[in-house]
């Protein structure tokens, strides 16, 4: 299992467009991938799951990956957070 924290640097937070792209990305992996904010943890299989967390700019979230391709999944998710969210 891999757990990694990310600070949402986009002032708009995690809105529909990046959330949709994150869901699409995670569907490429067989590992169970979840997102945690505070006390709530949701599976990254649904746009509504992500949006229900109301992630705002400056907040810290955790990505939790458990499965056989977790290493390649975290590499892709790292790249997503570095590239996709830095321009918002």
PDB file of N, CA and C in Angstrom:
ATOM      1  N   UNK A   1       0.841  -1.182   0.000  1.00  0.00           N
ATOM      2  CA  UNK A   1       0.000   0.000   0.000  1.00  0.00           C
ATOM      3  C   UNK A   1       0.882   1.239   0.000  1.00  0.00           C
ATOM      4  N   UNK A   2       0.480   2.202  -0.821  1.00  0.00           N
ATOM      5  CA  UNK A   2       1.183   3.479  -0.917  1.00  0.00           C
ATOM      6  C   UNK A   2       0.217   4.584  -0.524  1.00  0.00           C
ATOM      7  N   UNK A   3       0.667   5.487   0.338  1.00  0.00           N
ATOM      8  CA  UNK A   3      -0.111   6.670   0.707  1.00  0.00           C
ATOM      9  C   UNK A   3       0.766   7.893   0.492  1.00  0.00           C
ATOM     10  N   UNK A   4       0.209   8.894  -0.185  1.00  0.00           N
ATOM     11  CA  UNK A   4       0.979  10.110  -0.446  1.00  0.00           C
ATOM     12  C   UNK A   4       0.069  11.321  -0.302  1.00  0.00           C
ATOM     13  N   UNK A   5       0.594  12.350   0.349  1.00  0.00           N
ATOM     14  CA  UNK A   5      -0.152  13.589   0.545  1.00  0.00           C
ATOM     15  C   UNK A   5       0.166  14.587  -0.563  1.00  0.00           C
ATOM     16  N   UNK A   6      -0.848  15.364  -0.913  1.00  0.00           N
ATOM     17  CA  UNK A   6      -0.710  16.423  -1.907  1.00  0.00           C
ATOM     18  C   UNK A   6      -1.403  17.673  -1.373  1.00  0.00           C
ATOM     19  N   UNK A   7      -0.795  18.819  -1.614  1.00  0.00           N
ATOM     20  CA  UNK A   7      -1.433  20.098  -1.301  1.00  0.00           C
ATOM     21  C   UNK A   7      -2.022  20.621  -2.602  1.00  0.00           C
ATOM     22  N   UNK A   8      -3.289  20.959  -2.568  1.00  0.00           N
ATOM     23  CA  UNK A   8      -3.957  21.482  -3.759  1.00  0.00           C
ATOM     24  C   UNK A   8      -3.546  22.941  -3.924  1.00  0.00           C
ATOM     25  N   UNK A   9      -2.734  23.206  -4.934  1.00  0.00           N
ATOM     26  CA  UNK A   9      -2.187  24.546  -5.131  1.00  0.00           C
ATOM     27  C   UNK A   9      -3.093  25.432  -5.976  1.00  0.00           C
ATOM     28  N   UNK A  10      -4.010  24.847  -6.715  1.00  0.00           N
ATOM     29  CA  UNK A  10      -4.930  25.634  -7.534  1.00  0.00           C
ATOM     30  C   UNK A  10      -5.917  26.351  -6.620  1.00  0.00           C
ATOM     31  N   UNK A  11      -6.056  27.662  -6.805  1.00  0.00           N
ATOM     32  CA  UNK A  11      -6.958  28.448  -5.961  1.00  0.00           C
ATOM     33  C   UNK A  11      -8.397  27.948  -6.040  1.00  0.00           C
ATOM     34  N   UNK A  12      -8.778  27.420  -7.211  1.00  0.00           N
ATOM     35  CA  UNK A  12     -10.141  26.925  -7.413  1.00  0.00           C
ATOM     36  C   UNK A  12     -10.380  25.579  -6.755  1.00  0.00           C
ATOM     37  N   UNK A  13      -9.326  24.949  -6.286  1.00  0.00           N
ATOM     38  CA  UNK A  13      -9.461  23.633  -5.682  1.00  0.00           C
ATOM     39  C   UNK A  13      -9.621  22.546  -6.740  1.00  0.00           C
ATOM     40  N   UNK A  14     -10.238  21.437  -6.341  1.00  0.00           N
ATOM     41  CA  UNK A  14     -10.450  20.306  -7.251  1.00  0.00           C
ATOM     42  C   UNK A  14     -11.875  20.406  -7.798  1.00  0.00           C
ATOM     43  N   UNK A  15     -11.989  21.031  -8.968  1.00  0.00           N
ATOM     44  CA  UNK A  15     -13.309  21.178  -9.577  1.00  0.00           C
ATOM     45  C   UNK A  15     -13.523  20.100 -10.635  1.00  0.00           C
ATOM     46  N   UNK A  16     -14.596  20.206 -11.393  1.00  0.00           N
ATOM     47  CA  UNK A  16     -15.043  19.122 -12.272  1.00  0.00           C
ATOM     48  C   UNK A  16     -14.013  18.684 -13.319  1.00  0.00           C
ATOM     49  N   UNK A  17     -13.350  19.618 -13.981  1.00  0.00           N
ATOM     50  CA  UNK A  17     -12.438  19.219 -15.060  1.00  0.00           C
ATOM     51  C   UNK A  17     -11.265  18.384 -14.556  1.00  0.00           C
ATOM     52  N   UNK A  18     -10.486  18.864 -13.570  1.00  0.00           N
ATOM     53  CA  UNK A  18      -9.388  18.016 -13.102  1.00  0.00           C
ATOM     54  C   UNK A  18      -9.884  16.751 -12.406  1.00  0.00           C
ATOM     55  N   UNK A  19     -11.020  16.822 -11.739  1.00  0.00           N
ATOM     56  CA  UNK A  19     -11.560  15.623 -11.084  1.00  0.00           C
ATOM     57  C   UNK A  19     -11.922  14.564 -12.117  1.00  0.00           C
ATOM     58  N   UNK A  20     -12.520  14.990 -13.229  1.00  0.00           N
ATOM     59  CA  UNK A  20     -12.856  14.052 -14.310  1.00  0.00           C
ATOM     60  C   UNK A  20     -11.598  13.413 -14.869  1.00  0.00           C
ATOM     61  N   UNK A  21     -10.564  14.217 -15.092  1.00  0.00           N
ATOM     62  CA  UNK A  21      -9.305  13.690 -15.627  1.00  0.00           C
ATOM     63  C   UNK A  21      -8.647  12.717 -14.651  1.00  0.00           C
ATOM     64  N   UNK A  22      -8.759  12.987 -13.360  1.00  0.00           N
ATOM     65  CA  UNK A  22      -8.189  12.092 -12.360  1.00  0.00           C
ATOM     66  C   UNK A  22      -8.925  10.751 -12.347  1.00  0.00           C
ATOM     67  N   UNK A  23     -10.244  10.786 -12.453  1.00  0.00           N
ATOM     68  CA  UNK A  23     -11.024   9.537 -12.512  1.00  0.00           C
ATOM     69  C   UNK A  23     -10.628   8.732 -13.749  1.00  0.00           C
ATOM     70  N   UNK A  24     -10.504   9.402 -14.902  1.00  0.00           N
ATOM     71  CA  UNK A  24     -10.094   8.720 -16.142  1.00  0.00           C
ATOM     72  C   UNK A  24      -8.721   8.077 -15.975  1.00  0.00           C
ATOM     73  N   UNK A  25      -7.807   8.796 -15.358  1.00  0.00           N
ATOM     74  CA  UNK A  25      -6.456   8.279 -15.148  1.00  0.00           C
ATOM     75  C   UNK A  25      -6.474   7.029 -14.278  1.00  0.00           C
ATOM     76  N   UNK A  26      -7.198   7.067 -13.194  1.00  0.00           N
ATOM     77  CA  UNK A  26      -7.182   5.941 -12.253  1.00  0.00           C
ATOM     78  C   UNK A  26      -7.847   4.698 -12.820  1.00  0.00           C
ATOM     79  N   UNK A  27      -8.700   4.850 -13.814  1.00  0.00           N
ATOM     80  CA  UNK A  27      -9.346   3.680 -14.436  1.00  0.00           C
ATOM     81  C   UNK A  27      -8.362   2.842 -15.238  1.00  0.00           C
ATOM     82  N   UNK A  28      -7.152   3.350 -15.463  1.00  0.00           N
ATOM     83  CA  UNK A  28      -6.124   2.595 -16.177  1.00  0.00           C
ATOM     84  C   UNK A  28      -5.414   1.575 -15.288  1.00  0.00           C
ATOM     85  N   UNK A  29      -5.727   1.568 -14.007  1.00  0.00           N
ATOM     86  CA  UNK A  29      -5.013   0.718 -13.048  1.00  0.00           C
ATOM     87  C   UNK A  29      -5.978  -0.212 -12.323  1.00  0.00           C
ATOM     88  N   UNK A  30      -5.483  -1.414 -12.012  1.00  0.00           N
ATOM     89  CA  UNK A  30      -6.318  -2.393 -11.323  1.00  0.00           C
ATOM     90  C   UNK A  30      -6.298  -2.199  -9.807  1.00  0.00           C
ATOM     91  N   UNK A  31      -5.337  -1.449  -9.297  1.00  0.00           N
ATOM     92  CA  UNK A  31      -5.244  -1.197  -7.861  1.00  0.00           C
ATOM     93  C   UNK A  31      -6.458  -0.412  -7.375  1.00  0.00           C
ATOM     94  N   UNK A  32      -6.787  -0.584  -6.112  1.00  0.00           N
ATOM     95  CA  UNK A  32      -7.824   0.207  -5.470  1.00  0.00           C
ATOM     96  C   UNK A  32      -7.195   1.558  -5.122  1.00  0.00           C
ATOM     97  N   UNK A  33      -7.764   2.634  -5.672  1.00  0.00           N
ATOM     98  CA  UNK A  33      -7.211   3.973  -5.465  1.00  0.00           C
ATOM     99  C   UNK A  33      -8.277   4.820  -4.784  1.00  0.00           C
ATOM    100  N   UNK A  34      -7.899   5.415  -3.656  1.00  0.00           N
ATOM    101  CA  UNK A  34      -8.827   6.223  -2.872  1.00  0.00           C
ATOM    102  C   UNK A  34      -8.232   7.597  -2.608  1.00  0.00           C
ATOM    103  N   UNK A  35      -9.110   8.538  -2.315  1.00  0.00           N
ATOM    104  CA  UNK A  35      -8.716   9.897  -1.971  1.00  0.00           C
ATOM    105  C   UNK A  35      -9.275  10.194  -0.593  1.00  0.00           C
ATOM    106  N   UNK A  36      -8.429  10.760   0.264  1.00  0.00           N
ATOM    107  CA  UNK A  36      -8.839  11.064   1.625  1.00  0.00           C
ATOM    108  C   UNK A  36      -8.663  12.549   1.893  1.00  0.00           C
ATOM    109  N   UNK A  37      -9.713  13.142   2.481  1.00  0.00           N
ATOM    110  CA  UNK A  37      -9.645  14.532   2.939  1.00  0.00           C
ATOM    111  C   UNK A  37     -10.241  14.540   4.342  1.00  0.00           C
ATOM    112  N   UNK A  38      -9.429  14.894   5.308  1.00  0.00           N
ATOM    113  CA  UNK A  38      -9.895  14.889   6.692  1.00  0.00           C
ATOM    114  C   UNK A  38     -10.278  13.485   7.128  1.00  0.00           C
ATOM    115  N   UNK A  39     -11.502  13.333   7.599  1.00  0.00           N
ATOM    116  CA  UNK A  39     -11.985  12.036   8.073  1.00  0.00           C
ATOM    117  C   UNK A  39     -12.655  11.212   6.986  1.00  0.00           C
ATOM    118  N   UNK A  40     -12.842  11.786   5.808  1.00  0.00           N
ATOM    119  CA  UNK A  40     -13.574  11.092   4.734  1.00  0.00           C
ATOM    120  C   UNK A  40     -12.637  10.511   3.702  1.00  0.00           C
ATOM    121  N   UNK A  41     -12.927   9.284   3.303  1.00  0.00           N
ATOM    122  CA  UNK A  41     -12.183   8.604   2.250  1.00  0.00           C
ATOM    123  C   UNK A  41     -13.177   8.120   1.210  1.00  0.00           C
ATOM    124  N   UNK A  42     -12.882   8.414  -0.074  1.00  0.00           N
ATOM    125  CA  UNK A  42     -13.742   7.975  -1.169  1.00  0.00           C
ATOM    126  C   UNK A  42     -12.903   7.266  -2.222  1.00  0.00           C
ATOM    127  N   UNK A  43     -13.538   6.365  -2.950  1.00  0.00           N
ATOM    128  CA  UNK A  43     -12.871   5.702  -4.069  1.00  0.00           C
ATOM    129  C   UNK A  43     -12.785   6.685  -5.227  1.00  0.00           C
ATOM    130  N   UNK A  44     -11.682   6.610  -5.952  1.00  0.00           N
ATOM    131  CA  UNK A  44     -11.491   7.500  -7.100  1.00  0.00           C
ATOM    132  C   UNK A  44     -12.079   6.891  -8.368  1.00  0.00           C
ATOM    133  N   UNK A  45     -13.239   6.328  -8.257  1.00  0.00           N
ATOM    134  CA  UNK A  45     -13.901   5.710  -9.405  1.00  0.00           C
ATOM    135  C   UNK A  45     -15.063   6.548  -9.906  1.00  0.00           C
ATOM    136  N   UNK A  46     -15.346   7.656  -9.223  1.00  0.00           N
ATOM    137  CA  UNK A  46     -16.510   8.463  -9.567  1.00  0.00           C
ATOM    138  C   UNK A  46     -16.223   9.946  -9.380  1.00  0.00           C
ATOM    139  N   UNK A  47     -16.649  10.725 -10.343  1.00  0.00           N
ATOM    140  CA  UNK A  47     -16.515  12.176 -10.263  1.00  0.00           C
ATOM    141  C   UNK A  47     -17.265  12.718  -9.048  1.00  0.00           C
ATOM    142  N   UNK A  48     -18.435  12.197  -8.805  1.00  0.00           N
ATOM    143  CA  UNK A  48     -19.243  12.669  -7.678  1.00  0.00           C
ATOM    144  C   UNK A  48     -18.560  12.397  -6.338  1.00  0.00           C
ATOM    145  N   UNK A  49     -17.849  11.282  -6.241  1.00  0.00           N
ATOM    146  CA  UNK A  49     -17.109  10.991  -5.005  1.00  0.00           C
ATOM    147  C   UNK A  49     -16.120  12.105  -4.697  1.00  0.00           C
ATOM    148  N   UNK A  50     -15.375  12.525  -5.708  1.00  0.00           N
ATOM    149  CA  UNK A  50     -14.367  13.570  -5.518  1.00  0.00           C
ATOM    150  C   UNK A  50     -15.025  14.907  -5.194  1.00  0.00           C
ATOM    151  N   UNK A  51     -16.021  15.277  -5.981  1.00  0.00           N
ATOM    152  CA  UNK A  51     -16.669  16.567  -5.785  1.00  0.00           C
ATOM    153  C   UNK A  51     -17.378  16.651  -4.442  1.00  0.00           C
ATOM    154  N   UNK A  52     -17.829  15.519  -3.920  1.00  0.00           N
ATOM    155  CA  UNK A  52     -18.530  15.521  -2.626  1.00  0.00           C
ATOM    156  C   UNK A  52     -17.618  15.936  -1.471  1.00  0.00           C
ATOM    157  N   UNK A  53     -16.308  15.855  -1.677  1.00  0.00           N
ATOM    158  CA  UNK A  53     -15.360  16.245  -0.631  1.00  0.00           C
ATOM    159  C   UNK A  53     -15.169  17.761  -0.555  1.00  0.00           C
ATOM    160  N   UNK A  54     -15.551  18.473  -1.605  1.00  0.00           N
ATOM    161  CA  UNK A  54     -15.412  19.934  -1.594  1.00  0.00           C
ATOM    162  C   UNK A  54     -13.982  20.394  -1.375  1.00  0.00           C
ATOM    163  N   UNK A  55     -13.047  19.854  -2.144  1.00  0.00           N
ATOM    164  CA  UNK A  55     -11.626  20.150  -1.961  1.00  0.00           C
ATOM    165  C   UNK A  55     -11.317  21.555  -2.455  1.00  0.00           C
ATOM    166  N   UNK A  56     -10.801  22.379  -1.561  1.00  0.00           N
ATOM    167  CA  UNK A  56     -10.486  23.770  -1.870  1.00  0.00           C
ATOM    168  C   UNK A  56      -8.975  23.964  -2.016  1.00  0.00           C
ATOM    169  N   UNK A  57      -8.602  25.060  -2.646  1.00  0.00           N
ATOM    170  CA  UNK A  57      -7.196  25.405  -2.785  1.00  0.00           C
ATOM    171  C   UNK A  57      -6.538  25.553  -1.426  1.00  0.00           C
ATOM    172  N   UNK A  58      -5.330  25.038  -1.287  1.00  0.00           N
ATOM    173  CA  UNK A  58      -4.584  25.113  -0.043  1.00  0.00           C
ATOM    174  C   UNK A  58      -4.793  23.929   0.880  1.00  0.00           C
ATOM    175  N   UNK A  59      -5.799  23.099   0.593  1.00  0.00           N
ATOM    176  CA  UNK A  59      -6.052  21.938   1.445  1.00  0.00           C
ATOM    177  C   UNK A  59      -5.141  20.776   1.079  1.00  0.00           C
ATOM    178  N   UNK A  60      -4.929  19.909   2.053  1.00  0.00           N
ATOM    179  CA  UNK A  60      -4.116  18.715   1.843  1.00  0.00           C
ATOM    180  C   UNK A  60      -5.031  17.512   1.715  1.00  0.00           C
ATOM    181  N   UNK A  61      -4.750  16.703   0.692  1.00  0.00           N
ATOM    182  CA  UNK A  61      -5.470  15.453   0.495  1.00  0.00           C
ATOM    183  C   UNK A  61      -4.451  14.320   0.491  1.00  0.00           C
ATOM    184  N   UNK A  62      -4.931  13.108   0.659  1.00  0.00           N
ATOM    185  CA  UNK A  62      -4.064  11.933   0.581  1.00  0.00           C
ATOM    186  C   UNK A  62      -4.601  10.997  -0.489  1.00  0.00           C
ATOM    187  N   UNK A  63      -3.704  10.433  -1.267  1.00  0.00           N
ATOM    188  CA  UNK A  63      -4.050   9.391  -2.222  1.00  0.00           C
ATOM    189  C   UNK A  63      -3.559   8.077  -1.623  1.00  0.00           C
ATOM    190  N   UNK A  64      -4.435   7.080  -1.625  1.00  0.00           N
ATOM    191  CA  UNK A  64      -4.110   5.768  -1.075  1.00  0.00           C
ATOM    192  C   UNK A  64      -4.281   4.753  -2.197  1.00  0.00           C
ATOM    193  N   UNK A  65      -3.223   3.996  -2.467  1.00  0.00           N
ATOM    194  CA  UNK A  65      -3.250   3.018  -3.557  1.00  0.00           C
ATOM    195  C   UNK A  65      -2.853   1.668  -2.997  1.00  0.00           C
ATOM    196  N   UNK A  66      -3.649   0.661  -3.321  1.00  0.00           N
ATOM    197  CA  UNK A  66      -3.360  -0.693  -2.851  1.00  0.00           C
ATOM    198  C   UNK A  66      -3.637  -1.676  -3.979  1.00  0.00           C
ATOM    199  N   UNK A  67      -2.580  -2.334  -4.450  1.00  0.00           N
ATOM    200  CA  UNK A  67      -2.756  -3.308  -5.519  1.00  0.00           C
ATOM    201  C   UNK A  67      -1.458  -3.615  -6.222  1.00  0.00           C
ATOM    202  N   UNK A  68      -1.557  -4.487  -7.201  1.00  0.00           N
ATOM    203  CA  UNK A  68      -0.353  -4.978  -7.870  1.00  0.00           C
ATOM    204  C   UNK A  68       0.343  -3.935  -8.733  1.00  0.00           C
ATOM    205  N   UNK A  69      -0.390  -2.946  -9.231  1.00  0.00           N
ATOM    206  CA  UNK A  69       0.241  -1.916 -10.059  1.00  0.00           C
ATOM    207  C   UNK A  69       0.308  -0.560  -9.351  1.00  0.00           C
ATOM    208  N   UNK A  70       0.400  -0.608  -8.022  1.00  0.00           N
ATOM    209  CA  UNK A  70       0.392   0.628  -7.234  1.00  0.00           C
ATOM    210  C   UNK A  70       1.570   1.546  -7.536  1.00  0.00           C
ATOM    211  N   UNK A  71       2.728   0.970  -7.821  1.00  0.00           N
ATOM    212  CA  UNK A  71       3.912   1.790  -8.093  1.00  0.00           C
ATOM    213  C   UNK A  71       3.738   2.595  -9.378  1.00  0.00           C
ATOM    214  N   UNK A  72       3.262   1.956 -10.436  1.00  0.00           N
ATOM    215  CA  UNK A  72       3.059   2.691 -11.687  1.00  0.00           C
ATOM    216  C   UNK A  72       1.900   3.682 -11.540  1.00  0.00           C
ATOM    217  N   UNK A  73       0.908   3.343 -10.740  1.00  0.00           N
ATOM    218  CA  UNK A  73      -0.219   4.257 -10.516  1.00  0.00           C
ATOM    219  C   UNK A  73       0.236   5.519  -9.795  1.00  0.00           C
ATOM    220  N   UNK A  74       1.070   5.399  -8.775  1.00  0.00           N
ATOM    221  CA  UNK A  74       1.501   6.594  -8.034  1.00  0.00           C
ATOM    222  C   UNK A  74       2.389   7.487  -8.901  1.00  0.00           C
ATOM    223  N   UNK A  75       3.161   6.887  -9.787  1.00  0.00           N
ATOM    224  CA  UNK A  75       3.988   7.685 -10.705  1.00  0.00           C
ATOM    225  C   UNK A  75       3.085   8.526 -11.609  1.00  0.00           C
ATOM    226  N   UNK A  76       2.027   7.911 -12.140  1.00  0.00           N
ATOM    227  CA  UNK A  76       1.103   8.633 -13.018  1.00  0.00           C
ATOM    228  C   UNK A  76       0.337   9.704 -12.248  1.00  0.00           C
ATOM    229  N   UNK A  77      -0.062   9.399 -11.024  1.00  0.00           N
ATOM    230  CA  UNK A  77      -0.803  10.366 -10.215  1.00  0.00           C
ATOM    231  C   UNK A  77       0.090  11.532  -9.810  1.00  0.00           C
ATOM    232  N   UNK A  78       1.356  11.253  -9.499  1.00  0.00           N
ATOM    233  CA  UNK A  78       2.328  12.328  -9.231  1.00  0.00           C
ATOM    234  C   UNK A  78       2.395  13.282 -10.418  1.00  0.00           C
ATOM    235  N   UNK A  79       2.540  12.720 -11.610  1.00  0.00           N
ATOM    236  CA  UNK A  79       2.626  13.541 -12.820  1.00  0.00           C
ATOM    237  C   UNK A  79       1.341  14.338 -13.010  1.00  0.00           C
ATOM    238  N   UNK A  80       0.195  13.733 -12.722  1.00  0.00           N
ATOM    239  CA  UNK A  80      -1.086  14.432 -12.828  1.00  0.00           C
ATOM    240  C   UNK A  80      -1.108  15.659 -11.926  1.00  0.00           C
ATOM    241  N   UNK A  81      -0.735  15.483 -10.661  1.00  0.00           N
ATOM    242  CA  UNK A  81      -0.784  16.609  -9.736  1.00  0.00           C
ATOM    243  C   UNK A  81       0.244  17.675 -10.081  1.00  0.00           C
ATOM    244  N   UNK A  82       1.379  17.295 -10.619  1.00  0.00           N
ATOM    245  CA  UNK A  82       2.399  18.272 -10.997  1.00  0.00           C
ATOM    246  C   UNK A  82       2.008  19.043 -12.250  1.00  0.00           C
ATOM    247  N   UNK A  83       1.417  18.365 -13.235  1.00  0.00           N
ATOM    248  CA  UNK A  83       1.114  19.002 -14.512  1.00  0.00           C
ATOM    249  C   UNK A  83      -0.311  19.544 -14.592  1.00  0.00           C
ATOM    250  N   UNK A  84      -1.280  18.738 -14.265  1.00  0.00           N
ATOM    251  CA  UNK A  84      -2.689  19.109 -14.444  1.00  0.00           C
ATOM    252  C   UNK A  84      -3.120  20.224 -13.508  1.00  0.00           C
ATOM    253  N   UNK A  85      -2.684  20.184 -12.270  1.00  0.00           N
ATOM    254  CA  UNK A  85      -3.205  21.139 -11.292  1.00  0.00           C
ATOM    255  C   UNK A  85      -2.337  22.379 -11.099  1.00  0.00           C
ATOM    256  N   UNK A  86      -1.151  22.406 -11.659  1.00  0.00           N
ATOM    257  CA  UNK A  86      -0.312  23.585 -11.425  1.00  0.00           C
ATOM    258  C   UNK A  86      -0.753  24.793 -12.234  1.00  0.00           C
ATOM    259  N   UNK A  87      -1.512  24.593 -13.287  1.00  0.00           N
ATOM    260  CA  UNK A  87      -1.894  25.693 -14.166  1.00  0.00           C
ATOM    261  C   UNK A  87      -3.267  26.261 -13.857  1.00  0.00           C
ATOM    262  N   UNK A  88      -3.943  25.727 -12.860  1.00  0.00           N
ATOM    263  CA  UNK A  88      -5.312  26.198 -12.601  1.00  0.00           C
ATOM    264  C   UNK A  88      -5.316  27.515 -11.853  1.00  0.00           C
TER     265      UNK A  88
END
